[in-house]
């Protein structure tokens, strides 16, 4: 069984332009959600082209963070879930 892919919180924060604290507080939540929504667009090109939607951590980070693309609703929410889970774990 393979080990889970670590979430790159620094790359995510750079992608959304967030430079605030990494502590799990309500203020951090508000700031991160606002930055995520403002910088990572909704994109359903893969759905329209019949490409599979991959929701694993590596695929989400590759597409939305490293390739700087947007994502379908499940991709958006999956990436945000991974990011929020990484706050305060460092």
PDB file of N, CA and C in Angstrom:
ATOM      1  N   UNK A   1       0.848  -1.176   0.000  1.00  0.00           N
ATOM      2  CA  UNK A   1       0.000   0.000   0.000  1.00  0.00           C
ATOM      3  C   UNK A   1       0.892   1.237   0.000  1.00  0.00           C
ATOM      4  N   UNK A   2       0.611   2.202  -0.895  1.00  0.00           N
ATOM      5  CA  UNK A   2       1.449   3.398  -0.988  1.00  0.00           C
ATOM      6  C   UNK A   2       1.074   4.407   0.097  1.00  0.00           C
ATOM      7  N   UNK A   3       2.057   5.216   0.464  1.00  0.00           N
ATOM      8  CA  UNK A   3       1.799   6.229   1.481  1.00  0.00           C
ATOM      9  C   UNK A   3       1.080   7.410   0.845  1.00  0.00           C
ATOM     10  N   UNK A   4       0.294   8.149   1.632  1.00  0.00           N
ATOM     11  CA  UNK A   4      -0.440   9.279   1.067  1.00  0.00           C
ATOM     12  C   UNK A   4       0.516  10.389   0.603  1.00  0.00           C
ATOM     13  N   UNK A   5       0.104  11.087  -0.415  1.00  0.00           N
ATOM     14  CA  UNK A   5       0.892  12.197  -0.943  1.00  0.00           C
ATOM     15  C   UNK A   5       0.778  13.365   0.026  1.00  0.00           C
ATOM     16  N   UNK A   6       1.919  13.931   0.448  1.00  0.00           N
ATOM     17  CA  UNK A   6       1.836  15.067   1.361  1.00  0.00           C
ATOM     18  C   UNK A   6       1.273  16.288   0.648  1.00  0.00           C
ATOM     19  N   UNK A   7       0.541  17.096   1.391  1.00  0.00           N
ATOM     20  CA  UNK A   7      -0.019  18.311   0.824  1.00  0.00           C
ATOM     21  C   UNK A   7       1.010  19.424   0.935  1.00  0.00           C
ATOM     22  N   UNK A   8       1.270  20.109  -0.174  1.00  0.00           N
ATOM     23  CA  UNK A   8       2.248  21.194  -0.209  1.00  0.00           C
ATOM     24  C   UNK A   8       1.542  22.507   0.128  1.00  0.00           C
ATOM     25  N   UNK A   9       1.450  22.793   1.424  1.00  0.00           N
ATOM     26  CA  UNK A   9       0.733  23.978   1.886  1.00  0.00           C
ATOM     27  C   UNK A   9       1.401  25.261   1.385  1.00  0.00           C
ATOM     28  N   UNK A  10       2.732  25.287   1.336  1.00  0.00           N
ATOM     29  CA  UNK A  10       3.423  26.481   0.846  1.00  0.00           C
ATOM     30  C   UNK A  10       3.090  26.773  -0.611  1.00  0.00           C
ATOM     31  N   UNK A  11       3.060  25.740  -1.444  1.00  0.00           N
ATOM     32  CA  UNK A  11       2.723  25.928  -2.860  1.00  0.00           C
ATOM     33  C   UNK A  11       1.273  26.371  -3.000  1.00  0.00           C
ATOM     34  N   UNK A  12       0.385  25.796  -2.193  1.00  0.00           N
ATOM     35  CA  UNK A  12      -1.023  26.199  -2.231  1.00  0.00           C
ATOM     36  C   UNK A  12      -1.172  27.666  -1.848  1.00  0.00           C
ATOM     37  N   UNK A  13      -0.523  28.075  -0.766  1.00  0.00           N
ATOM     38  CA  UNK A  13      -0.614  29.466  -0.317  1.00  0.00           C
ATOM     39  C   UNK A  13      -0.063  30.420  -1.378  1.00  0.00           C
ATOM     40  N   UNK A  14       1.025  30.030  -2.033  1.00  0.00           N
ATOM     41  CA  UNK A  14       1.575  30.850  -3.112  1.00  0.00           C
ATOM     42  C   UNK A  14       0.583  30.935  -4.265  1.00  0.00           C
ATOM     43  N   UNK A  15      -0.067  29.822  -4.583  1.00  0.00           N
ATOM     44  CA  UNK A  15      -1.035  29.787  -5.691  1.00  0.00           C
ATOM     45  C   UNK A  15      -2.190  30.743  -5.453  1.00  0.00           C
ATOM     46  N   UNK A  16      -2.676  30.806  -4.204  1.00  0.00           N
ATOM     47  CA  UNK A  16      -3.828  31.669  -3.922  1.00  0.00           C
ATOM     48  C   UNK A  16      -3.411  33.056  -3.432  1.00  0.00           C
ATOM     49  N   UNK A  17      -2.117  33.280  -3.297  1.00  0.00           N
ATOM     50  CA  UNK A  17      -1.644  34.584  -2.855  1.00  0.00           C
ATOM     51  C   UNK A  17      -1.893  34.858  -1.390  1.00  0.00           C
ATOM     52  N   UNK A  18      -1.854  33.816  -0.581  1.00  0.00           N
ATOM     53  CA  UNK A  18      -2.079  33.967   0.859  1.00  0.00           C
ATOM     54  C   UNK A  18      -0.742  33.964   1.577  1.00  0.00           C
ATOM     55  N   UNK A  19      -0.492  35.028   2.355  1.00  0.00           N
ATOM     56  CA  UNK A  19       0.771  35.141   3.096  1.00  0.00           C
ATOM     57  C   UNK A  19       0.530  35.332   4.589  1.00  0.00           C
ATOM     58  N   UNK A  20      -0.655  35.000   5.040  1.00  0.00           N
ATOM     59  CA  UNK A  20      -0.997  35.179   6.446  1.00  0.00           C
ATOM     60  C   UNK A  20      -0.550  34.024   7.315  1.00  0.00           C
ATOM     61  N   UNK A  21      -1.012  34.029   8.557  1.00  0.00           N
ATOM     62  CA  UNK A  21      -0.629  32.968   9.498  1.00  0.00           C
ATOM     63  C   UNK A  21      -1.165  31.604   9.051  1.00  0.00           C
ATOM     64  N   UNK A  22      -0.450  30.562   9.475  1.00  0.00           N
ATOM     65  CA  UNK A  22      -0.857  29.193   9.140  1.00  0.00           C
ATOM     66  C   UNK A  22      -1.541  28.514  10.321  1.00  0.00           C
ATOM     67  N   UNK A  23      -2.039  29.290  11.236  1.00  0.00           N
ATOM     68  CA  UNK A  23      -2.727  28.754  12.405  1.00  0.00           C
ATOM     69  C   UNK A  23      -4.198  28.503  12.070  1.00  0.00           C
ATOM     70  N   UNK A  24      -4.760  27.447  12.617  1.00  0.00           N
ATOM     71  CA  UNK A  24      -6.161  27.114  12.318  1.00  0.00           C
ATOM     72  C   UNK A  24      -7.136  27.968  13.140  1.00  0.00           C
ATOM     73  N   UNK A  25      -7.389  29.185  12.666  1.00  0.00           N
ATOM     74  CA  UNK A  25      -8.311  30.094  13.340  1.00  0.00           C
ATOM     75  C   UNK A  25      -9.435  30.480  12.387  1.00  0.00           C
ATOM     76  N   UNK A  26     -10.469  31.077  12.929  1.00  0.00           N
ATOM     77  CA  UNK A  26     -11.585  31.534  12.099  1.00  0.00           C
ATOM     78  C   UNK A  26     -11.123  32.611  11.120  1.00  0.00           C
ATOM     79  N   UNK A  27     -10.231  33.475  11.554  1.00  0.00           N
ATOM     80  CA  UNK A  27      -9.711  34.523  10.675  1.00  0.00           C
ATOM     81  C   UNK A  27      -8.937  33.913   9.493  1.00  0.00           C
ATOM     82  N   UNK A  28      -8.130  32.896   9.787  1.00  0.00           N
ATOM     83  CA  UNK A  28      -7.399  32.211   8.727  1.00  0.00           C
ATOM     84  C   UNK A  28      -8.373  31.555   7.753  1.00  0.00           C
ATOM     85  N   UNK A  29      -9.382  30.891   8.278  1.00  0.00           N
ATOM     86  CA  UNK A  29     -10.399  30.247   7.433  1.00  0.00           C
ATOM     87  C   UNK A  29     -11.035  31.256   6.489  1.00  0.00           C
ATOM     88  N   UNK A  30     -11.461  32.383   7.025  1.00  0.00           N
ATOM     89  CA  UNK A  30     -12.101  33.401   6.186  1.00  0.00           C
ATOM     90  C   UNK A  30     -11.152  33.881   5.087  1.00  0.00           C
ATOM     91  N   UNK A  31      -9.907  34.148   5.449  1.00  0.00           N
ATOM     92  CA  UNK A  31      -8.934  34.657   4.484  1.00  0.00           C
ATOM     93  C   UNK A  31      -8.617  33.626   3.404  1.00  0.00           C
ATOM     94  N   UNK A  32      -8.421  32.380   3.800  1.00  0.00           N
ATOM     95  CA  UNK A  32      -8.065  31.333   2.842  1.00  0.00           C
ATOM     96  C   UNK A  32      -9.223  31.048   1.889  1.00  0.00           C
ATOM     97  N   UNK A  33     -10.423  30.942   2.407  1.00  0.00           N
ATOM     98  CA  UNK A  33     -11.578  30.682   1.539  1.00  0.00           C
ATOM     99  C   UNK A  33     -11.772  31.833   0.552  1.00  0.00           C
ATOM    100  N   UNK A  34     -11.605  33.063   1.014  1.00  0.00           N
ATOM    101  CA  UNK A  34     -11.747  34.223   0.125  1.00  0.00           C
ATOM    102  C   UNK A  34     -10.681  34.210  -0.971  1.00  0.00           C
ATOM    103  N   UNK A  35      -9.431  33.922  -0.605  1.00  0.00           N
ATOM    104  CA  UNK A  35      -8.347  33.894  -1.585  1.00  0.00           C
ATOM    105  C   UNK A  35      -8.535  32.738  -2.570  1.00  0.00           C
ATOM    106  N   UNK A  36      -8.947  31.565  -2.067  1.00  0.00           N
ATOM    107  CA  UNK A  36      -9.173  30.404  -2.929  1.00  0.00           C
ATOM    108  C   UNK A  36     -10.234  30.749  -3.983  1.00  0.00           C
ATOM    109  N   UNK A  37     -11.354  31.280  -3.529  1.00  0.00           N
ATOM    110  CA  UNK A  37     -12.454  31.598  -4.445  1.00  0.00           C
ATOM    111  C   UNK A  37     -12.077  32.689  -5.443  1.00  0.00           C
ATOM    112  N   UNK A  38     -11.215  33.605  -5.023  1.00  0.00           N
ATOM    113  CA  UNK A  38     -10.832  34.720  -5.897  1.00  0.00           C
ATOM    114  C   UNK A  38      -9.747  34.359  -6.911  1.00  0.00           C
ATOM    115  N   UNK A  39      -8.991  33.299  -6.654  1.00  0.00           N
ATOM    116  CA  UNK A  39      -7.842  33.019  -7.519  1.00  0.00           C
ATOM    117  C   UNK A  39      -7.903  31.714  -8.300  1.00  0.00           C
ATOM    118  N   UNK A  40      -8.650  30.746  -7.843  1.00  0.00           N
ATOM    119  CA  UNK A  40      -8.731  29.479  -8.575  1.00  0.00           C
ATOM    120  C   UNK A  40     -10.118  29.411  -9.221  1.00  0.00           C
ATOM    121  N   UNK A  41     -10.182  29.589 -10.531  1.00  0.00           N
ATOM    122  CA  UNK A  41     -11.479  29.671 -11.184  1.00  0.00           C
ATOM    123  C   UNK A  41     -12.187  28.324 -11.298  1.00  0.00           C
ATOM    124  N   UNK A  42     -13.502  28.406 -11.417  1.00  0.00           N
ATOM    125  CA  UNK A  42     -14.285  27.226 -11.765  1.00  0.00           C
ATOM    126  C   UNK A  42     -13.966  26.912 -13.218  1.00  0.00           C
ATOM    127  N   UNK A  43     -13.676  25.670 -13.490  1.00  0.00           N
ATOM    128  CA  UNK A  43     -13.357  25.246 -14.853  1.00  0.00           C
ATOM    129  C   UNK A  43     -13.919  23.852 -15.071  1.00  0.00           C
ATOM    130  N   UNK A  44     -14.719  23.683 -16.106  1.00  0.00           N
ATOM    131  CA  UNK A  44     -15.262  22.362 -16.395  1.00  0.00           C
ATOM    132  C   UNK A  44     -14.857  21.860 -17.778  1.00  0.00           C
ATOM    133  N   UNK A  45     -13.701  22.298 -18.251  1.00  0.00           N
ATOM    134  CA  UNK A  45     -13.240  21.873 -19.570  1.00  0.00           C
ATOM    135  C   UNK A  45     -13.044  20.367 -19.655  1.00  0.00           C
ATOM    136  N   UNK A  46     -12.468  19.776 -18.622  1.00  0.00           N
ATOM    137  CA  UNK A  46     -12.241  18.331 -18.654  1.00  0.00           C
ATOM    138  C   UNK A  46     -13.553  17.565 -18.743  1.00  0.00           C
ATOM    139  N   UNK A  47     -14.567  18.045 -18.048  1.00  0.00           N
ATOM    140  CA  UNK A  47     -15.882  17.397 -18.098  1.00  0.00           C
ATOM    141  C   UNK A  47     -16.439  17.477 -19.521  1.00  0.00           C
ATOM    142  N   UNK A  48     -16.372  18.658 -20.105  1.00  0.00           N
ATOM    143  CA  UNK A  48     -16.899  18.842 -21.460  1.00  0.00           C
ATOM    144  C   UNK A  48     -16.138  18.039 -22.502  1.00  0.00           C
ATOM    145  N   UNK A  49     -14.850  17.804 -22.254  1.00  0.00           N
ATOM    146  CA  UNK A  49     -14.028  17.030 -23.184  1.00  0.00           C
ATOM    147  C   UNK A  49     -14.064  15.525 -22.901  1.00  0.00           C
ATOM    148  N   UNK A  50     -14.837  15.125 -21.890  1.00  0.00           N
ATOM    149  CA  UNK A  50     -14.962  13.711 -21.566  1.00  0.00           C
ATOM    150  C   UNK A  50     -13.763  13.124 -20.851  1.00  0.00           C
ATOM    151  N   UNK A  51     -12.908  13.970 -20.289  1.00  0.00           N
ATOM    152  CA  UNK A  51     -11.736  13.491 -19.543  1.00  0.00           C
ATOM    153  C   UNK A  51     -12.153  13.122 -18.132  1.00  0.00           C
ATOM    154  N   UNK A  52     -11.489  12.154 -17.549  1.00  0.00           N
ATOM    155  CA  UNK A  52     -11.838  11.773 -16.175  1.00  0.00           C
ATOM    156  C   UNK A  52     -11.460  12.876 -15.182  1.00  0.00           C
ATOM    157  N   UNK A  53     -12.250  12.990 -14.146  1.00  0.00           N
ATOM    158  CA  UNK A  53     -11.967  13.927 -13.063  1.00  0.00           C
ATOM    159  C   UNK A  53     -11.296  13.136 -11.954  1.00  0.00           C
ATOM    160  N   UNK A  54     -10.077  13.477 -11.655  1.00  0.00           N
ATOM    161  CA  UNK A  54      -9.300  12.780 -10.632  1.00  0.00           C
ATOM    162  C   UNK A  54      -9.339  13.607  -9.354  1.00  0.00           C
ATOM    163  N   UNK A  55      -9.724  12.953  -8.266  1.00  0.00           N
ATOM    164  CA  UNK A  55      -9.906  13.651  -7.002  1.00  0.00           C
ATOM    165  C   UNK A  55      -8.885  13.281  -5.937  1.00  0.00           C
ATOM    166  N   UNK A  56      -7.853  12.535  -6.317  1.00  0.00           N
ATOM    167  CA  UNK A  56      -6.818  12.198  -5.342  1.00  0.00           C
ATOM    168  C   UNK A  56      -5.938  13.427  -5.102  1.00  0.00           C
ATOM    169  N   UNK A  57      -5.252  13.432  -3.972  1.00  0.00           N
ATOM    170  CA  UNK A  57      -4.461  14.589  -3.557  1.00  0.00           C
ATOM    171  C   UNK A  57      -3.414  14.989  -4.598  1.00  0.00           C
ATOM    172  N   UNK A  58      -2.709  14.039  -5.151  1.00  0.00           N
ATOM    173  CA  UNK A  58      -1.666  14.353  -6.132  1.00  0.00           C
ATOM    174  C   UNK A  58      -2.256  15.005  -7.373  1.00  0.00           C
ATOM    175  N   UNK A  59      -3.349  14.460  -7.893  1.00  0.00           N
ATOM    176  CA  UNK A  59      -3.966  15.020  -9.092  1.00  0.00           C
ATOM    177  C   UNK A  59      -4.503  16.423  -8.863  1.00  0.00           C
ATOM    178  N   UNK A  60      -5.116  16.641  -7.710  1.00  0.00           N
ATOM    179  CA  UNK A  60      -5.643  17.971  -7.401  1.00  0.00           C
ATOM    180  C   UNK A  60      -4.528  19.000  -7.293  1.00  0.00           C
ATOM    181  N   UNK A  61      -3.451  18.637  -6.617  1.00  0.00           N
ATOM    182  CA  UNK A  61      -2.332  19.569  -6.481  1.00  0.00           C
ATOM    183  C   UNK A  61      -1.669  19.833  -7.831  1.00  0.00           C
ATOM    184  N   UNK A  62      -1.536  18.785  -8.634  1.00  0.00           N
ATOM    185  CA  UNK A  62      -0.897  18.936  -9.950  1.00  0.00           C
ATOM    186  C   UNK A  62      -1.701  19.897 -10.828  1.00  0.00           C
ATOM    187  N   UNK A  63      -2.993  19.662 -10.941  1.00  0.00           N
ATOM    188  CA  UNK A  63      -3.823  20.443 -11.844  1.00  0.00           C
ATOM    189  C   UNK A  63      -4.063  21.864 -11.342  1.00  0.00           C
ATOM    190  N   UNK A  64      -4.531  22.000 -10.110  1.00  0.00           N
ATOM    191  CA  UNK A  64      -4.971  23.302  -9.620  1.00  0.00           C
ATOM    192  C   UNK A  64      -3.848  24.158  -9.049  1.00  0.00           C
ATOM    193  N   UNK A  65      -2.818  23.527  -8.499  1.00  0.00           N
ATOM    194  CA  UNK A  65      -1.731  24.301  -7.893  1.00  0.00           C
ATOM    195  C   UNK A  65      -0.560  24.428  -8.863  1.00  0.00           C
ATOM    196  N   UNK A  66       0.033  23.308  -9.252  1.00  0.00           N
ATOM    197  CA  UNK A  66       1.250  23.383 -10.068  1.00  0.00           C
ATOM    198  C   UNK A  66       0.971  23.828 -11.511  1.00  0.00           C
ATOM    199  N   UNK A  67      -0.103  23.320 -12.105  1.00  0.00           N
ATOM    200  CA  UNK A  67      -0.430  23.719 -13.482  1.00  0.00           C
ATOM    201  C   UNK A  67      -1.241  25.007 -13.530  1.00  0.00           C
ATOM    202  N   UNK A  68      -1.666  25.500 -12.372  1.00  0.00           N
ATOM    203  CA  UNK A  68      -2.385  26.768 -12.231  1.00  0.00           C
ATOM    204  C   UNK A  68      -3.666  26.813 -13.050  1.00  0.00           C
ATOM    205  N   UNK A  69      -4.341  25.672 -13.123  1.00  0.00           N
ATOM    206  CA  UNK A  69      -5.625  25.606 -13.814  1.00  0.00           C
ATOM    207  C   UNK A  69      -6.743  25.800 -12.813  1.00  0.00           C
ATOM    208  N   UNK A  70      -7.944  25.913 -13.330  1.00  0.00           N
ATOM    209  CA  UNK A  70      -9.120  25.938 -12.484  1.00  0.00           C
ATOM    210  C   UNK A  70      -9.624  24.528 -12.299  1.00  0.00           C
ATOM    211  N   UNK A  71     -10.740  24.410 -11.602  1.00  0.00           N
ATOM    212  CA  UNK A  71     -11.268  23.081 -11.349  1.00  0.00           C
ATOM    213  C   UNK A  71     -12.781  23.042 -11.258  1.00  0.00           C
ATOM    214  N   UNK A  72     -13.287  21.855 -11.477  1.00  0.00           N
ATOM    215  CA  UNK A  72     -14.698  21.526 -11.354  1.00  0.00           C
ATOM    216  C   UNK A  72     -15.057  21.561  -9.869  1.00  0.00           C
ATOM    217  N   UNK A  73     -16.323  21.597  -9.524  1.00  0.00           N
ATOM    218  CA  UNK A  73     -16.743  21.769  -8.128  1.00  0.00           C
ATOM    219  C   UNK A  73     -16.120  20.743  -7.177  1.00  0.00           C
ATOM    220  N   UNK A  74     -16.062  19.492  -7.584  1.00  0.00           N
ATOM    221  CA  UNK A  74     -15.491  18.468  -6.702  1.00  0.00           C
ATOM    222  C   UNK A  74     -13.981  18.667  -6.535  1.00  0.00           C
ATOM    223  N   UNK A  75     -13.333  19.127  -7.585  1.00  0.00           N
ATOM    224  CA  UNK A  75     -11.903  19.399  -7.498  1.00  0.00           C
ATOM    225  C   UNK A  75     -11.641  20.596  -6.579  1.00  0.00           C
ATOM    226  N   UNK A  76     -12.418  21.638  -6.751  1.00  0.00           N
ATOM    227  CA  UNK A  76     -12.281  22.837  -5.910  1.00  0.00           C
ATOM    228  C   UNK A  76     -12.445  22.485  -4.436  1.00  0.00           C
ATOM    229  N   UNK A  77     -13.514  21.795  -4.126  1.00  0.00           N
ATOM    230  CA  UNK A  77     -13.795  21.448  -2.730  1.00  0.00           C
ATOM    231  C   UNK A  77     -12.781  20.455  -2.178  1.00  0.00           C
ATOM    232  N   UNK A  78     -12.324  19.538  -3.002  1.00  0.00           N
ATOM    233  CA  UNK A  78     -11.321  18.580  -2.554  1.00  0.00           C
ATOM    234  C   UNK A  78     -10.000  19.249  -2.228  1.00  0.00           C
ATOM    235  N   UNK A  79      -9.578  20.185  -3.079  1.00  0.00           N
ATOM    236  CA  UNK A  79      -8.333  20.907  -2.816  1.00  0.00           C
ATOM    237  C   UNK A  79      -8.457  21.763  -1.567  1.00  0.00           C
ATOM    238  N   UNK A  80      -9.573  22.451  -1.419  1.00  0.00           N
ATOM    239  CA  UNK A  80      -9.778  23.272  -0.220  1.00  0.00           C
ATOM    240  C   UNK A  80      -9.784  22.404   1.043  1.00  0.00           C
ATOM    241  N   UNK A  81     -10.401  21.238   0.988  1.00  0.00           N
ATOM    242  CA  UNK A  81     -10.404  20.325   2.125  1.00  0.00           C
ATOM    243  C   UNK A  81      -8.970  19.916   2.494  1.00  0.00           C
ATOM    244  N   UNK A  82      -8.179  19.566   1.495  1.00  0.00           N
ATOM    245  CA  UNK A  82      -6.780  19.205   1.752  1.00  0.00           C
ATOM    246  C   UNK A  82      -6.016  20.366   2.375  1.00  0.00           C
ATOM    247  N   UNK A  83      -6.223  21.562   1.838  1.00  0.00           N
ATOM    248  CA  UNK A  83      -5.522  22.740   2.355  1.00  0.00           C
ATOM    249  C   UNK A  83      -5.913  23.028   3.802  1.00  0.00           C
ATOM    250  N   UNK A  84      -7.191  23.029   4.083  1.00  0.00           N
ATOM    251  CA  UNK A  84      -7.640  23.329   5.449  1.00  0.00           C
ATOM    252  C   UNK A  84      -7.146  22.293   6.434  1.00  0.00           C
ATOM    253  N   UNK A  85      -7.060  21.050   6.000  1.00  0.00           N
ATOM    254  CA  UNK A  85      -6.536  19.994   6.866  1.00  0.00           C
ATOM    255  C   UNK A  85      -5.060  20.174   7.156  1.00  0.00           C
ATOM    256  N   UNK A  86      -4.339  20.871   6.274  1.00  0.00           N
ATOM    257  CA  UNK A  86      -2.905  21.081   6.460  1.00  0.00           C
ATOM    258  C   UNK A  86      -2.582  22.248   7.383  1.00  0.00           C
ATOM    259  N   UNK A  87      -3.510  23.155   7.562  1.00  0.00           N
ATOM    260  CA  UNK A  87      -3.272  24.296   8.444  1.00  0.00           C
ATOM    261  C   UNK A  87      -3.141  23.818   9.883  1.00  0.00           C
ATOM    262  N   UNK A  88      -2.136  24.274  10.560  1.00  0.00           N
ATOM    263  CA  UNK A  88      -1.918  23.919  11.954  1.00  0.00           C
ATOM    264  C   UNK A  88      -1.266  22.575  12.170  1.00  0.00           C
ATOM    265  N   UNK A  89      -0.963  21.849  11.088  1.00  0.00           N
ATOM    266  CA  UNK A  89      -0.359  20.516  11.264  1.00  0.00           C
ATOM    267  C   UNK A  89       1.167  20.567  11.164  1.00  0.00           C
ATOM    268  N   UNK A  90       1.715  21.737  10.892  1.00  0.00           N
ATOM    269  CA  UNK A  90       3.152  21.846  10.683  1.00  0.00           C
ATOM    270  C   UNK A  90       3.941  22.079  11.887  1.00  0.00           C
TER     271      UNK A  90
END
